[in-house]
Amino acid sequence: MNKLFFFSIIILTILSSCNNYKPALLTSTQIFNEGQVPFKQCHASTIEQIGKDSLIAAWFGGTHESNPDVVIWTSHYINGKWQHPVQVADGVLGDIRYPTWNPVFYQHPASDSLYLYYKIGPNPREWKGYYKYSLDKGNTWSTAKALPQNILGPIKNKPITLKNGTILSPSSTESKDEIWKAHLEISADRGNTWSIVNINHASPVQVIQPSIVKHKNGNIQVLCRSKENKVMSSFSNDDGQTWQPWQATNLLNPNAATDAICLKNGQFMIVYNPDLAGKDWWEGRTKLRVALSKDGLNWKDALILEDGKKGDEYSYPTIIQDDEGLIHISYTWNRKSIKHIVLK
């Protein structure tokens, strides 16, 4: 009886601790400072753990978004300090130079290879997917390889790996007539071949840039940027093969990117801009918040990351949780730098 009572107390303590969890800010730093790098603007970062206390981040940077001089840069986080950025990919295809876009890191749990996915093309309606891989934690990279026809790679947020090794890569398209649709790119052989599963393409709801989270019951959920002024969601109960109708979460979305993960404590965390869309696409990105949820639909704000003024831009967050349980968030800071936040 005493053992049963003691065990019950432990379970209740764990449940209480999850219910009462509130993220705490540990550090807030810029990966580089304006004027110390050879590019004027930067955007769309990605971040990955590459060892104990070590990280790597990437973003695109150049004169301005969509300019042909925009290339992919990386920086390593070593001994608590971000290193000077290094160019690792460009958009040169034959005799033509295009801008690069939206880098995304991915590492399969059963492999030491670090993959860097990115896009090359004049704009998001015409870009194509490319990737490089590194065998030494991002210090050196392979030559660029094109993804198969119609495979774009992860558009903005990271893939997830199922227990059976299958990769679910969140992607989307933007057509020339400005129609947005989300899909998954699925690989059962570590990225050698891919198949496409559309997510509710018959629906009038327009979404892009999904994040993928997995629930305890095995369901897969996507959370998307949308034209609906809400973060939109859909669920799959068959590992992403079929999808339920779109549902609006209680989170505002001003036509801006988000990212979400499932934490080790079982709760879900999202980073988002809490505003409505304005007349111009960049409006609504002056504030950035962290929210928590137990079901992926009903969210509660837990932390304010930025509370800016008109003209500021804090956008395109990416989020991971490292092996020690620390949460790392990177995001665009006024297009002048990439900010790195650490939470516990």
Protein backbone atom coordinates (compact mmCIF):
# COMPACT_ATOMS: atom_id res chain seq x y z
CA MET A 1 0.00 0.00 0.00
CA ASN A 2 2.83 2.40 0.89
CA LYS A 3 4.52 1.72 -2.45
CA LEU A 4 1.27 2.33 -4.33
CA PHE A 5 0.70 5.58 -2.44
CA PHE A 6 4.28 6.72 -3.15
CA PHE A 7 3.94 5.87 -6.85
CA SER A 8 0.63 7.80 -7.03
CA ILE A 9 2.28 10.86 -5.50
CA ILE A 10 5.07 10.73 -8.11
CA ILE A 11 2.55 10.52 -10.98
CA LEU A 12 0.49 13.41 -9.59
CA THR A 13 3.64 15.50 -9.16
CA ILE A 14 4.66 14.89 -12.77
CA LEU A 15 1.18 15.75 -14.07
CA SER A 16 1.04 18.88 -11.93
CA SER A 17 4.44 19.98 -13.15
CA CYS A 18 3.32 19.61 -16.81
CA ASN A 19 0.09 21.52 -16.14
CA ASN A 20 1.95 24.35 -14.40
CA TYR A 21 4.81 24.60 -16.90
CA LYS A 22 5.63 28.12 -17.99
CA PRO A 23 8.67 28.74 -20.20
CA ALA A 24 11.39 30.94 -18.73
CA LEU A 25 13.79 33.04 -20.79
CA LEU A 26 17.43 32.10 -20.23
CA THR A 27 19.28 34.01 -22.97
CA SER A 28 18.52 36.32 -25.88
CA THR A 29 21.32 37.07 -28.34
CA GLN A 30 21.80 38.09 -31.95
CA ILE A 31 23.76 35.59 -34.01
CA PHE A 32 25.58 38.49 -35.67
CA ASN A 33 25.44 42.27 -35.55
CA GLU A 34 24.46 44.63 -38.32
CA GLY A 35 27.51 45.92 -40.17
CA GLN A 36 29.67 42.93 -39.25
CA VAL A 37 28.44 40.77 -42.14
CA PRO A 38 28.70 41.13 -45.96
CA PHE A 39 24.93 41.31 -46.53
CA LYS A 40 22.35 44.02 -45.87
CA GLN A 41 19.30 41.86 -45.14
CA CYS A 42 18.62 38.37 -43.82
CA HIS A 43 15.57 36.20 -43.27
CA ALA A 44 14.11 32.72 -42.74
CA SER A 45 16.42 30.98 -40.28
CA THR A 46 16.65 27.33 -39.32
CA ILE A 47 18.43 25.82 -36.32
CA GLU A 48 19.64 22.33 -35.37
CA GLN A 49 21.52 20.67 -32.51
CA ILE A 50 24.76 19.06 -33.74
CA GLY A 51 26.21 17.79 -30.45
CA LYS A 52 26.22 18.52 -26.75
CA ASP A 53 26.01 22.29 -26.27
CA SER A 54 26.56 22.82 -30.01
CA LEU A 55 24.14 24.24 -32.58
CA ILE A 56 24.13 25.31 -36.20
CA ALA A 57 21.89 27.97 -37.71
CA ALA A 58 21.26 28.95 -41.33
CA TRP A 59 19.36 31.72 -43.12
CA PHE A 60 19.33 33.51 -46.47
CA GLY A 61 21.03 36.86 -46.82
CA GLY A 62 21.89 39.42 -49.48
CA THR A 63 20.92 42.88 -50.68
CA HIS A 64 17.24 42.12 -50.16
CA GLU A 65 14.85 39.17 -50.48
CA SER A 66 14.56 37.90 -54.09
CA ASN A 67 17.71 39.69 -55.27
CA PRO A 68 20.00 37.30 -57.20
CA ASP A 69 22.84 37.91 -54.72
CA VAL A 70 20.85 36.26 -51.89
CA VAL A 71 22.71 33.13 -50.69
CA ILE A 72 22.58 30.70 -47.77
CA TRP A 73 24.70 31.41 -44.70
CA THR A 74 25.45 29.33 -41.62
CA SER A 75 26.91 29.92 -38.18
CA HIS A 76 28.01 27.44 -35.50
CA TYR A 77 27.25 27.91 -31.81
CA ILE A 78 30.29 26.68 -29.89
CA ASN A 79 31.14 27.18 -26.22
CA GLY A 80 28.24 29.59 -25.80
CA LYS A 81 29.18 31.84 -28.71
CA TRP A 82 28.00 32.18 -32.30
CA GLN A 83 30.80 32.08 -34.87
CA HIS A 84 31.21 34.40 -37.85
CA PRO A 85 28.74 33.51 -40.66
CA VAL A 86 29.96 31.45 -43.62
CA GLN A 87 28.37 31.20 -47.07
CA VAL A 88 27.47 27.59 -47.90
CA ALA A 89 25.13 27.71 -50.94
CA ASP A 90 24.17 30.00 -53.80
CA GLY A 91 21.61 30.10 -56.59
CA VAL A 92 23.90 29.76 -59.60
CA LEU A 93 22.36 27.43 -62.19
CA GLY A 94 24.45 27.30 -65.35
CA ASP A 95 24.95 30.86 -66.57
CA ILE A 96 22.10 32.33 -64.52
CA ARG A 97 22.20 33.39 -60.89
CA TYR A 98 18.95 33.19 -58.92
CA PRO A 99 18.19 34.03 -55.31
CA THR A 100 18.10 31.26 -52.70
CA TRP A 101 15.29 30.81 -50.18
CA ASN A 102 14.21 29.26 -46.87
CA PRO A 103 16.94 26.89 -45.68
CA VAL A 104 15.81 23.98 -43.47
CA PHE A 105 18.05 21.56 -41.55
CA TYR A 106 17.16 17.91 -41.09
CA GLN A 107 19.01 14.94 -39.58
CA HIS A 108 17.64 11.40 -39.63
CA PRO A 109 17.92 9.77 -36.17
CA ALA A 110 19.74 6.77 -37.66
CA SER A 111 22.28 8.83 -39.62
CA ASP A 112 25.16 11.21 -38.91
CA SER A 113 24.49 13.14 -42.12
CA LEU A 114 23.14 16.66 -41.70
CA TYR A 115 20.92 17.79 -44.58
CA LEU A 116 20.41 21.38 -45.66
CA TYR A 117 17.33 21.84 -47.85
CA TYR A 118 16.73 25.14 -49.65
CA LYS A 119 15.08 26.60 -52.73
CA ILE A 120 16.50 28.28 -55.84
CA GLY A 121 14.43 30.42 -58.20
CA PRO A 122 13.21 33.92 -59.01
CA ASN A 123 10.24 33.72 -56.60
CA PRO A 124 8.20 31.26 -54.49
CA ARG A 125 5.93 30.49 -57.45
CA GLU A 126 8.80 29.30 -59.63
CA TRP A 127 11.45 28.04 -57.20
CA LYS A 128 12.77 24.47 -57.14
CA GLY A 129 14.10 22.34 -54.32
CA TYR A 130 17.79 21.63 -53.71
CA TYR A 131 19.85 20.13 -50.91
CA LYS A 132 23.35 19.61 -49.63
CA TYR A 133 24.59 17.26 -46.94
CA SER A 134 27.42 17.40 -44.44
CA LEU A 135 29.30 14.52 -42.79
CA ASP A 136 31.12 16.75 -40.28
CA LYS A 137 28.33 18.70 -38.54
CA GLY A 138 28.13 21.47 -41.10
CA ASN A 139 31.80 22.36 -41.39
CA THR A 140 31.97 21.23 -45.02
CA TRP A 141 29.17 20.48 -47.49
CA SER A 142 28.56 18.36 -50.56
CA THR A 143 27.84 19.88 -53.94
CA ALA A 144 24.26 21.01 -54.47
CA LYS A 145 21.81 18.38 -55.69
CA ALA A 146 18.38 19.01 -57.20
CA LEU A 147 15.41 17.27 -55.63
CA PRO A 148 13.22 15.17 -57.96
CA GLN A 149 10.67 16.88 -60.20
CA ASN A 150 7.82 18.48 -58.17
CA ILE A 151 9.59 17.75 -54.85
CA LEU A 152 10.31 21.10 -53.19
CA GLY A 153 11.67 19.85 -49.88
CA PRO A 154 10.57 21.27 -46.52
CA ILE A 155 9.27 24.72 -47.45
CA LYS A 156 9.97 26.46 -44.16
CA ASN A 157 9.69 24.09 -41.18
CA LYS A 158 11.56 20.90 -40.31
CA PRO A 159 10.51 17.35 -41.22
CA ILE A 160 9.70 14.81 -38.53
CA THR A 161 10.73 11.14 -38.44
CA LEU A 162 8.25 8.44 -37.48
CA LYS A 163 9.28 5.45 -35.36
CA ASN A 164 9.53 3.28 -38.47
CA GLY A 165 12.02 5.72 -40.02
CA THR A 166 9.58 7.33 -42.46
CA ILE A 167 10.24 11.03 -43.06
CA LEU A 168 7.30 13.43 -43.21
CA SER A 169 8.45 16.68 -44.80
CA PRO A 170 6.04 19.66 -44.60
CA SER A 171 5.73 21.55 -47.87
CA SER A 172 3.42 23.80 -49.85
CA THR A 173 2.96 25.62 -53.14
CA GLU A 174 2.07 29.15 -54.17
CA SER A 175 0.68 29.32 -57.71
CA LYS A 176 1.09 32.20 -60.14
CA ASP A 177 -2.57 33.10 -59.53
CA GLU A 178 -1.79 33.25 -55.78
CA ILE A 179 -3.47 30.03 -54.69
CA TRP A 180 -1.88 28.47 -51.60
CA LYS A 181 -1.93 24.72 -50.94
CA ALA A 182 -0.12 22.52 -48.40
CA HIS A 183 1.18 19.00 -48.88
CA LEU A 184 3.51 16.42 -47.36
CA GLU A 185 6.52 14.90 -49.06
CA ILE A 186 7.04 11.41 -47.66
CA SER A 187 10.12 9.18 -47.84
CA ALA A 188 10.49 5.64 -46.48
CA ASP A 189 14.14 5.32 -47.57
CA ARG A 190 15.87 8.26 -45.86
CA GLY A 191 15.20 10.70 -48.67
CA ASN A 192 16.28 8.63 -51.66
CA THR A 193 12.74 8.64 -53.09
CA TRP A 194 9.70 10.75 -52.27
CA SER A 195 5.94 10.67 -52.69
CA ILE A 196 3.47 13.55 -52.35
CA VAL A 197 0.29 13.59 -50.26
CA ASN A 198 -1.92 16.64 -50.73
CA ILE A 199 -3.61 18.13 -47.67
CA ASN A 200 -7.22 19.11 -48.40
CA HIS A 201 -6.56 20.57 -51.84
CA ALA A 202 -10.29 20.60 -52.63
CA SER A 203 -10.90 23.01 -49.75
CA PRO A 204 -11.14 26.78 -50.40
CA VAL A 205 -8.95 27.36 -47.31
CA GLN A 206 -5.55 28.69 -48.39
CA VAL A 207 -2.51 27.68 -46.35
CA ILE A 208 1.25 27.29 -46.68
CA GLN A 209 4.33 26.48 -44.59
CA PRO A 210 3.05 23.67 -42.33
CA SER A 211 4.63 22.60 -39.07
CA ILE A 212 4.16 18.94 -38.12
CA VAL A 213 3.59 17.64 -34.59
CA LYS A 214 2.80 14.12 -33.41
CA HIS A 215 0.25 13.44 -30.64
CA LYS A 216 0.45 10.76 -27.97
CA ASN A 217 -2.41 8.83 -29.62
CA GLY A 218 -0.37 8.63 -32.84
CA ASN A 219 -2.27 11.31 -34.73
CA ILE A 220 -0.27 13.69 -36.91
CA GLN A 221 -1.20 17.39 -36.93
CA VAL A 222 -0.16 20.21 -39.23
CA LEU A 223 -0.33 23.88 -38.22
CA CYS A 224 -0.19 26.37 -41.09
CA ARG A 225 0.22 29.98 -42.04
CA SER A 226 -2.95 31.04 -43.82
CA LYS A 227 -4.96 33.72 -45.58
CA GLU A 228 -7.76 33.16 -43.05
CA ASN A 229 -6.34 35.41 -40.27
CA LYS A 230 -5.98 32.24 -38.16
CA VAL A 231 -3.38 29.54 -37.74
CA MET A 232 -5.10 26.62 -39.48
CA SER A 233 -4.87 22.95 -38.52
CA SER A 234 -5.60 19.51 -39.91
CA PHE A 235 -5.20 16.02 -38.42
CA SER A 236 -4.26 12.63 -39.85
CA ASN A 237 -4.76 9.30 -38.10
CA ASP A 238 -2.85 7.22 -40.67
CA ASP A 239 0.68 8.71 -40.60
CA GLY A 240 -0.14 11.49 -43.04
CA GLN A 241 -1.81 9.49 -45.81
CA THR A 242 -5.24 11.13 -45.43
CA TRP A 243 -6.33 14.35 -43.74
CA GLN A 244 -9.37 15.70 -41.92
CA PRO A 245 -10.93 19.07 -42.92
CA TRP A 246 -9.17 22.27 -41.95
CA GLN A 247 -9.90 23.65 -38.47
CA ALA A 248 -9.12 27.14 -37.22
CA THR A 249 -7.13 27.33 -34.01
CA ASN A 250 -7.67 30.22 -31.58
CA LEU A 251 -4.41 31.84 -32.73
CA LEU A 252 -4.38 34.91 -34.95
CA ASN A 253 -2.24 34.80 -38.08
CA PRO A 254 -1.42 37.90 -40.16
CA ASN A 255 -0.25 35.91 -43.19
CA ALA A 256 2.99 35.12 -41.35
CA ALA A 257 5.06 32.01 -40.72
CA THR A 258 4.88 30.01 -37.49
CA ASP A 259 6.66 26.96 -36.10
CA ALA A 260 5.50 24.39 -33.56
CA ILE A 261 6.89 21.34 -31.74
CA CYS A 262 5.81 18.76 -29.19
CA LEU A 263 7.80 19.26 -26.00
CA LYS A 264 9.26 16.43 -23.95
CA ASN A 265 6.58 17.09 -21.29
CA GLY A 266 3.85 16.30 -23.84
CA GLN A 267 2.63 19.85 -24.35
CA PHE A 268 2.78 21.66 -27.68
CA MET A 269 4.62 24.94 -28.18
CA ILE A 270 4.20 27.39 -31.04
CA VAL A 271 5.87 30.70 -31.90
CA TYR A 272 3.63 33.09 -33.82
CA ASN A 273 2.72 36.71 -34.64
CA PRO A 274 -0.51 37.63 -32.77
CA ASP A 275 -2.15 39.96 -35.26
CA LEU A 276 -4.44 40.23 -38.29
CA ALA A 277 -3.26 40.65 -41.87
CA GLY A 278 -2.78 44.21 -43.10
CA LYS A 279 -2.94 45.72 -46.57
CA ASP A 280 0.65 44.73 -47.25
CA TRP A 281 2.06 41.23 -46.69
CA TRP A 282 4.64 42.38 -44.15
CA GLU A 283 2.14 44.01 -41.79
CA GLY A 284 1.31 42.25 -38.54
CA ARG A 285 4.85 41.09 -37.75
CA THR A 286 5.74 43.58 -35.01
CA LYS A 287 4.88 41.23 -32.13
CA LEU A 288 6.11 37.69 -31.51
CA ARG A 289 4.81 35.32 -28.84
CA VAL A 290 5.19 31.79 -27.50
CA ALA A 291 2.00 29.84 -26.78
CA LEU A 292 1.29 26.44 -25.24
CA SER A 293 -1.44 23.87 -25.88
CA LYS A 294 -2.49 20.41 -24.76
CA ASP A 295 -4.55 19.55 -27.84
CA GLY A 296 -2.92 21.60 -30.64
CA LEU A 297 -6.08 23.64 -31.22
CA ASN A 298 -6.62 25.68 -28.07
CA TRP A 299 -3.57 27.74 -27.22
CA LYS A 300 -2.61 30.07 -24.38
CA ASP A 301 0.10 32.70 -24.58
CA ALA A 302 3.03 31.88 -22.33
CA LEU A 303 5.75 34.40 -23.22
CA ILE A 304 6.23 37.65 -25.15
CA LEU A 305 9.39 37.54 -27.26
CA GLU A 306 8.94 40.87 -29.06
CA ASP A 307 6.50 43.76 -28.66
CA GLY A 308 7.62 46.14 -31.37
CA LYS A 309 6.37 49.28 -33.06
CA LYS A 310 5.12 49.95 -36.57
CA GLY A 311 7.83 49.19 -39.10
CA ASP A 312 9.51 46.48 -37.00
CA GLU A 313 9.61 42.90 -38.22
CA TYR A 314 10.07 39.86 -35.97
CA SER A 315 9.12 36.89 -38.06
CA TYR A 316 9.74 33.40 -39.44
CA PRO A 317 10.49 31.65 -36.16
CA THR A 318 11.93 28.16 -35.93
CA ILE A 319 11.99 26.08 -32.74
CA ILE A 320 13.72 22.95 -31.43
CA GLN A 321 14.20 21.29 -28.05
CA ASP A 322 17.69 19.92 -27.39
CA ASP A 323 18.73 16.72 -25.63
CA GLU A 324 18.97 18.56 -22.29
CA GLY A 325 15.41 19.88 -22.61
CA LEU A 326 16.36 23.48 -23.43
CA ILE A 327 14.24 25.16 -26.10
CA HIS A 328 15.97 27.10 -28.87
CA ILE A 329 14.12 29.62 -31.02
CA SER A 330 15.59 31.63 -33.88
CA TYR A 331 13.81 34.29 -35.91
CA THR A 332 14.26 37.26 -38.21
CA TRP A 333 15.12 40.44 -36.30
CA ASN A 334 14.15 43.44 -38.47
CA ARG A 335 15.85 41.74 -41.45
CA LYS A 336 19.14 43.00 -39.94
CA SER A 337 20.02 39.96 -37.86
CA ILE A 338 18.83 36.57 -36.65
CA LYS A 339 17.96 36.37 -32.96
CA HIS A 340 18.55 33.25 -30.87
CA ILE A 341 16.40 32.70 -27.79
CA VAL A 342 16.93 29.96 -25.19
CA LEU A 343 14.08 28.90 -22.90
CA LYS A 344 13.80 26.30 -20.18
